[in-house]
Amino acid sequence: MTSADFAAYLASLPRVLAGAAALFRDAEGRVLLVEPNYREGWTLPGGTIESDDGETPREGARRETLEEIGLDRPLGRLLAVDWVRRPGRPPLVAYLYDGGVLGEDDLKAIRLQEEELLSWRLVPRAEVSSYLPGATAGRVLAALDVLAGGSGTAELENGQRVG
């Protein structure tokens, strides 16, 4: 197979996007959310994995966390993987890692990326679904269940557990 044939083969494969985020909590268990300036609503610190540059999901989540909120922390275990179908767009595989519990000094050290973010806040579990869109809310709630129950990584489709 020539390199042109291989390039054509790769171009013919289905396209899947990949993103990664970190789930940070405070001592009361509230979830850290950020408010982007490029769309309505709230989300988690995270973003697109730069896979063309060889970045892994874990590396992407850590890089995005540093860029977006100024915290460079090693991430804990993988809490959830979500396959998200979206009309008119390629599917998204979303990885969610444990960012750990942030102390008062960590929260004071947050520095927002002004090009992308307007604000941040801590949200109790009971309010997560009112801040985050469906699949993202389901992903966060499943991850909180994993943390609370000590179970393995949650496998999700559109924010709902499967298997």
C-alpha atoms as a PDB file:
ATOM      1  CA  MET A   1       0.000   0.000   0.000  1.00  0.00           C
ATOM      2  CA  THR A   2       1.411   3.390  -0.974  1.00  0.00           C
ATOM      3  CA  SER A   3       1.367   6.342   1.380  1.00  0.00           C
ATOM      4  CA  ALA A   4      -1.298   7.983  -0.834  1.00  0.00           C
ATOM      5  CA  ASP A   5      -3.452   4.834  -0.588  1.00  0.00           C
ATOM      6  CA  PHE A   6      -3.016   4.784   3.188  1.00  0.00           C
ATOM      7  CA  ALA A   7      -3.917   8.482   3.429  1.00  0.00           C
ATOM      8  CA  ALA A   8      -7.052   7.834   1.355  1.00  0.00           C
ATOM      9  CA  TYR A   9      -7.926   4.886   3.582  1.00  0.00           C
ATOM     10  CA  LEU A  10      -7.532   7.004   6.734  1.00  0.00           C
ATOM     11  CA  ALA A  11      -9.680   9.759   5.220  1.00  0.00           C
ATOM     12  CA  SER A  12     -12.425   7.203   4.544  1.00  0.00           C
ATOM     13  CA  LEU A  13     -12.668   6.059   8.176  1.00  0.00           C
ATOM     14  CA  PRO A  14     -15.497   7.268  10.431  1.00  0.00           C
ATOM     15  CA  ARG A  15     -14.710  10.401  12.399  1.00  0.00           C
ATOM     16  CA  VAL A  16     -14.985  10.541  16.193  1.00  0.00           C
ATOM     17  CA  LEU A  17     -14.130  13.559  18.345  1.00  0.00           C
ATOM     18  CA  ALA A  18     -12.537  13.160  21.765  1.00  0.00           C
ATOM     19  CA  GLY A  19     -12.634  15.397  24.815  1.00  0.00           C
ATOM     20  CA  ALA A  20     -11.407  15.151  28.381  1.00  0.00           C
ATOM     21  CA  ALA A  21     -12.273  16.962  31.589  1.00  0.00           C
ATOM     22  CA  ALA A  22     -11.485  16.936  35.296  1.00  0.00           C
ATOM     23  CA  LEU A  23     -14.006  16.650  38.114  1.00  0.00           C
ATOM     24  CA  PHE A  24     -12.905  18.889  40.988  1.00  0.00           C
ATOM     25  CA  ARG A  25     -14.781  19.114  44.281  1.00  0.00           C
ATOM     26  CA  ASP A  26     -14.433  21.148  47.444  1.00  0.00           C
ATOM     27  CA  ALA A  27     -14.476  19.778  50.999  1.00  0.00           C
ATOM     28  CA  GLU A  28     -18.295  19.915  50.990  1.00  0.00           C
ATOM     29  CA  GLY A  29     -18.488  17.806  47.821  1.00  0.00           C
ATOM     30  CA  ARG A  30     -19.583  20.649  45.568  1.00  0.00           C
ATOM     31  CA  VAL A  31     -18.503  20.383  41.922  1.00  0.00           C
ATOM     32  CA  LEU A  32     -16.361  23.056  40.239  1.00  0.00           C
ATOM     33  CA  LEU A  33     -18.010  24.367  37.060  1.00  0.00           C
ATOM     34  CA  VAL A  34     -16.796  26.996  34.622  1.00  0.00           C
ATOM     35  CA  GLU A  35     -18.830  29.384  32.473  1.00  0.00           C
ATOM     36  CA  PRO A  36     -17.531  29.679  28.892  1.00  0.00           C
ATOM     37  CA  ASN A  37     -17.914  32.932  26.957  1.00  0.00           C
ATOM     38  CA  TYR A  38     -18.367  31.198  23.589  1.00  0.00           C
ATOM     39  CA  ARG A  39     -21.689  29.481  24.370  1.00  0.00           C
ATOM     40  CA  GLU A  40     -24.551  29.494  26.866  1.00  0.00           C
ATOM     41  CA  GLY A  41     -24.390  27.542  30.094  1.00  0.00           C
ATOM     42  CA  TRP A  42     -21.771  25.900  32.280  1.00  0.00           C
ATOM     43  CA  THR A  43     -19.313  23.041  31.879  1.00  0.00           C
ATOM     44  CA  LEU A  44     -16.350  21.302  33.521  1.00  0.00           C
ATOM     45  CA  PRO A  45     -12.727  22.365  33.092  1.00  0.00           C
ATOM     46  CA  GLY A  46     -11.608  20.444  30.017  1.00  0.00           C
ATOM     47  CA  GLY A  47     -11.790  20.369  26.254  1.00  0.00           C
ATOM     48  CA  THR A  48     -10.644  18.729  23.063  1.00  0.00           C
ATOM     49  CA  ILE A  49      -7.838  16.195  23.164  1.00  0.00           C
ATOM     50  CA  GLU A  50      -5.084  17.206  20.741  1.00  0.00           C
ATOM     51  CA  SER A  51      -4.748  13.646  19.483  1.00  0.00           C
ATOM     52  CA  ASP A  52      -3.124  14.692  16.181  1.00  0.00           C
ATOM     53  CA  ASP A  53      -0.219  15.908  18.330  1.00  0.00           C
ATOM     54  CA  GLY A  54      -0.052  12.603  20.248  1.00  0.00           C
ATOM     55  CA  GLU A  55      -1.846  13.890  23.346  1.00  0.00           C
ATOM     56  CA  THR A  56      -3.599  11.272  25.491  1.00  0.00           C
ATOM     57  CA  PRO A  57      -6.978  11.870  27.192  1.00  0.00           C
ATOM     58  CA  ARG A  58      -5.299  12.248  30.600  1.00  0.00           C
ATOM     59  CA  GLU A  59      -2.740  14.698  29.204  1.00  0.00           C
ATOM     60  CA  GLY A  60      -5.513  16.651  27.488  1.00  0.00           C
ATOM     61  CA  ALA A  61      -7.548  16.972  30.674  1.00  0.00           C
ATOM     62  CA  ARG A  62      -4.511  18.165  32.620  1.00  0.00           C
ATOM     63  CA  ARG A  63      -3.467  20.642  29.904  1.00  0.00           C
ATOM     64  CA  GLU A  64      -6.990  22.045  29.592  1.00  0.00           C
ATOM     65  CA  THR A  65      -7.258  22.397  33.379  1.00  0.00           C
ATOM     66  CA  LEU A  66      -4.004  24.355  33.476  1.00  0.00           C
ATOM     67  CA  GLU A  67      -5.056  26.551  30.544  1.00  0.00           C
ATOM     68  CA  GLU A  68      -8.594  27.197  31.755  1.00  0.00           C
ATOM     69  CA  ILE A  69      -8.301  27.570  35.538  1.00  0.00           C
ATOM     70  CA  GLY A  70      -4.551  27.835  36.137  1.00  0.00           C
ATOM     71  CA  LEU A  71      -4.240  24.656  38.230  1.00  0.00           C
ATOM     72  CA  ASP A  72      -1.612  22.107  37.220  1.00  0.00           C
ATOM     73  CA  ARG A  73      -2.418  19.022  39.242  1.00  0.00           C
ATOM     74  CA  PRO A  74      -1.888  15.345  38.563  1.00  0.00           C
ATOM     75  CA  LEU A  75      -5.257  13.772  37.877  1.00  0.00           C
ATOM     76  CA  GLY A  76      -6.648  10.743  39.644  1.00  0.00           C
ATOM     77  CA  ARG A  77      -8.378   7.789  38.138  1.00  0.00           C
ATOM     78  CA  LEU A  78     -10.696   7.685  35.154  1.00  0.00           C
ATOM     79  CA  LEU A  79     -14.231   8.018  36.520  1.00  0.00           C
ATOM     80  CA  ALA A  80     -16.344   7.862  33.365  1.00  0.00           C
ATOM     81  CA  VAL A  81     -16.183   7.368  29.602  1.00  0.00           C
ATOM     82  CA  ASP A  82     -19.179   8.615  27.637  1.00  0.00           C
ATOM     83  CA  TRP A  83     -20.091   8.023  23.983  1.00  0.00           C
ATOM     84  CA  VAL A  84     -22.205  11.034  23.025  1.00  0.00           C
ATOM     85  CA  ARG A  85     -24.280  11.054  19.845  1.00  0.00           C
ATOM     86  CA  ARG A  86     -25.178  14.487  18.496  1.00  0.00           C
ATOM     87  CA  PRO A  87     -27.367  15.210  15.467  1.00  0.00           C
ATOM     88  CA  GLY A  88     -25.412  16.518  12.501  1.00  0.00           C
ATOM     89  CA  ARG A  89     -22.038  16.102  14.238  1.00  0.00           C
ATOM     90  CA  PRO A  90     -19.546  13.287  14.688  1.00  0.00           C
ATOM     91  CA  PRO A  91     -19.903  11.356  17.940  1.00  0.00           C
ATOM     92  CA  LEU A  92     -17.849  12.478  20.914  1.00  0.00           C
ATOM     93  CA  VAL A  93     -15.963  10.248  23.323  1.00  0.00           C
ATOM     94  CA  ALA A  94     -15.731  12.148  26.621  1.00  0.00           C
ATOM     95  CA  TYR A  95     -13.281  11.105  29.334  1.00  0.00           C
ATOM     96  CA  LEU A  96     -13.806  12.344  32.893  1.00  0.00           C
ATOM     97  CA  TYR A  97     -10.968  12.143  35.438  1.00  0.00           C
ATOM     98  CA  ASP A  98     -10.905  12.673  39.184  1.00  0.00           C
ATOM     99  CA  GLY A  99      -9.373  16.092  39.811  1.00  0.00           C
ATOM    100  CA  GLY A 100      -9.566  15.595  43.552  1.00  0.00           C
ATOM    101  CA  VAL A 101     -10.709  17.821  46.383  1.00  0.00           C
ATOM    102  CA  LEU A 102      -9.611  21.449  46.239  1.00  0.00           C
ATOM    103  CA  GLY A 103      -8.734  23.173  49.480  1.00  0.00           C
ATOM    104  CA  GLU A 104      -9.210  26.839  50.232  1.00  0.00           C
ATOM    105  CA  ASP A 105      -5.733  27.714  48.908  1.00  0.00           C
ATOM    106  CA  ASP A 106      -6.432  25.835  45.652  1.00  0.00           C
ATOM    107  CA  LEU A 107      -9.701  27.703  45.155  1.00  0.00           C
ATOM    108  CA  LYS A 108      -7.950  31.040  45.760  1.00  0.00           C
ATOM    109  CA  ALA A 109      -5.306  30.054  43.174  1.00  0.00           C
ATOM    110  CA  ILE A 110      -7.856  29.624  40.354  1.00  0.00           C
ATOM    111  CA  ARG A 111      -7.052  31.978  37.482  1.00  0.00           C
ATOM    112  CA  LEU A 112      -9.547  31.894  34.625  1.00  0.00           C
ATOM    113  CA  GLN A 113      -8.473  31.878  30.992  1.00  0.00           C
ATOM    114  CA  GLU A 114     -10.037  35.193  29.999  1.00  0.00           C
ATOM    115  CA  GLU A 115     -10.152  34.294  26.288  1.00  0.00           C
ATOM    116  CA  GLU A 116     -12.622  31.453  27.009  1.00  0.00           C
ATOM    117  CA  LEU A 117     -14.141  31.732  30.493  1.00  0.00           C
ATOM    118  CA  LEU A 118     -16.329  34.253  32.289  1.00  0.00           C
ATOM    119  CA  SER A 119     -16.551  32.750  35.779  1.00  0.00           C
ATOM    120  CA  TRP A 120     -16.468  29.657  37.966  1.00  0.00           C
ATOM    121  CA  ARG A 121     -18.602  28.340  40.799  1.00  0.00           C
ATOM    122  CA  LEU A 122     -19.077  25.404  43.137  1.00  0.00           C
ATOM    123  CA  VAL A 123     -22.360  23.559  42.691  1.00  0.00           C
ATOM    124  CA  PRO A 124     -23.914  20.972  45.036  1.00  0.00           C
ATOM    125  CA  ARG A 125     -24.790  17.590  43.528  1.00  0.00           C
ATOM    126  CA  ALA A 126     -28.516  18.361  43.754  1.00  0.00           C
ATOM    127  CA  GLU A 127     -28.056  21.341  41.406  1.00  0.00           C
ATOM    128  CA  VAL A 128     -25.705  19.765  38.827  1.00  0.00           C
ATOM    129  CA  SER A 129     -28.531  18.966  36.387  1.00  0.00           C
ATOM    130  CA  SER A 130     -29.795  22.552  36.432  1.00  0.00           C
ATOM    131  CA  TYR A 131     -26.352  23.882  35.372  1.00  0.00           C
ATOM    132  CA  LEU A 132     -25.153  21.239  32.912  1.00  0.00           C
ATOM    133  CA  PRO A 133     -26.771  19.922  29.720  1.00  0.00           C
ATOM    134  CA  GLY A 134     -28.147  16.354  29.725  1.00  0.00           C
ATOM    135  CA  ALA A 135     -25.202  14.107  28.818  1.00  0.00           C
ATOM    136  CA  THR A 136     -22.700  16.233  30.737  1.00  0.00           C
ATOM    137  CA  ALA A 137     -24.900  16.243  33.841  1.00  0.00           C
ATOM    138  CA  GLY A 138     -25.326  12.470  33.593  1.00  0.00           C
ATOM    139  CA  ARG A 139     -21.573  12.038  33.254  1.00  0.00           C
ATOM    140  CA  VAL A 140     -20.882  14.138  36.349  1.00  0.00           C
ATOM    141  CA  LEU A 141     -23.536  12.379  38.429  1.00  0.00           C
ATOM    142  CA  ALA A 142     -22.240   8.954  37.360  1.00  0.00           C
ATOM    143  CA  ALA A 143     -18.691  10.031  38.262  1.00  0.00           C
ATOM    144  CA  LEU A 144     -19.834  11.230  41.686  1.00  0.00           C
ATOM    145  CA  ASP A 145     -21.515   7.828  42.195  1.00  0.00           C
ATOM    146  CA  VAL A 146     -18.242   6.089  41.251  1.00  0.00           C
ATOM    147  CA  LEU A 147     -16.391   8.191  43.830  1.00  0.00           C
ATOM    148  CA  ALA A 148     -19.001   7.606  46.533  1.00  0.00           C
ATOM    149  CA  GLY A 149     -19.309   3.872  45.932  1.00  0.00           C
ATOM    150  CA  GLY A 150     -15.703   3.055  45.154  1.00  0.00           C
ATOM    151  CA  SER A 151     -16.766   1.274  41.968  1.00  0.00           C
ATOM    152  CA  GLY A 152     -14.909   1.093  38.680  1.00  0.00           C
ATOM    153  CA  THR A 153     -15.115   3.462  35.736  1.00  0.00           C
ATOM    154  CA  ALA A 154     -18.657   4.198  34.550  1.00  0.00           C
ATOM    155  CA  GLU A 155     -19.352   3.315  30.924  1.00  0.00           C
ATOM    156  CA  LEU A 156     -21.938   5.721  29.514  1.00  0.00           C
ATOM    157  CA  GLU A 157     -23.833   6.503  26.345  1.00  0.00           C
ATOM    158  CA  ASN A 158     -25.283  10.014  26.200  1.00  0.00           C
ATOM    159  CA  GLY A 159     -24.719  10.380  29.948  1.00  0.00           C
ATOM    160  CA  GLN A 160     -26.565   7.166  30.868  1.00  0.00           C
ATOM    161  CA  ARG A 161     -24.941   4.018  32.254  1.00  0.00           C
ATOM    162  CA  VAL A 162     -24.777   0.999  29.954  1.00  0.00           C
ATOM    163  CA  GLY A 163     -23.859  -2.607  30.566  1.00  0.00           C
END
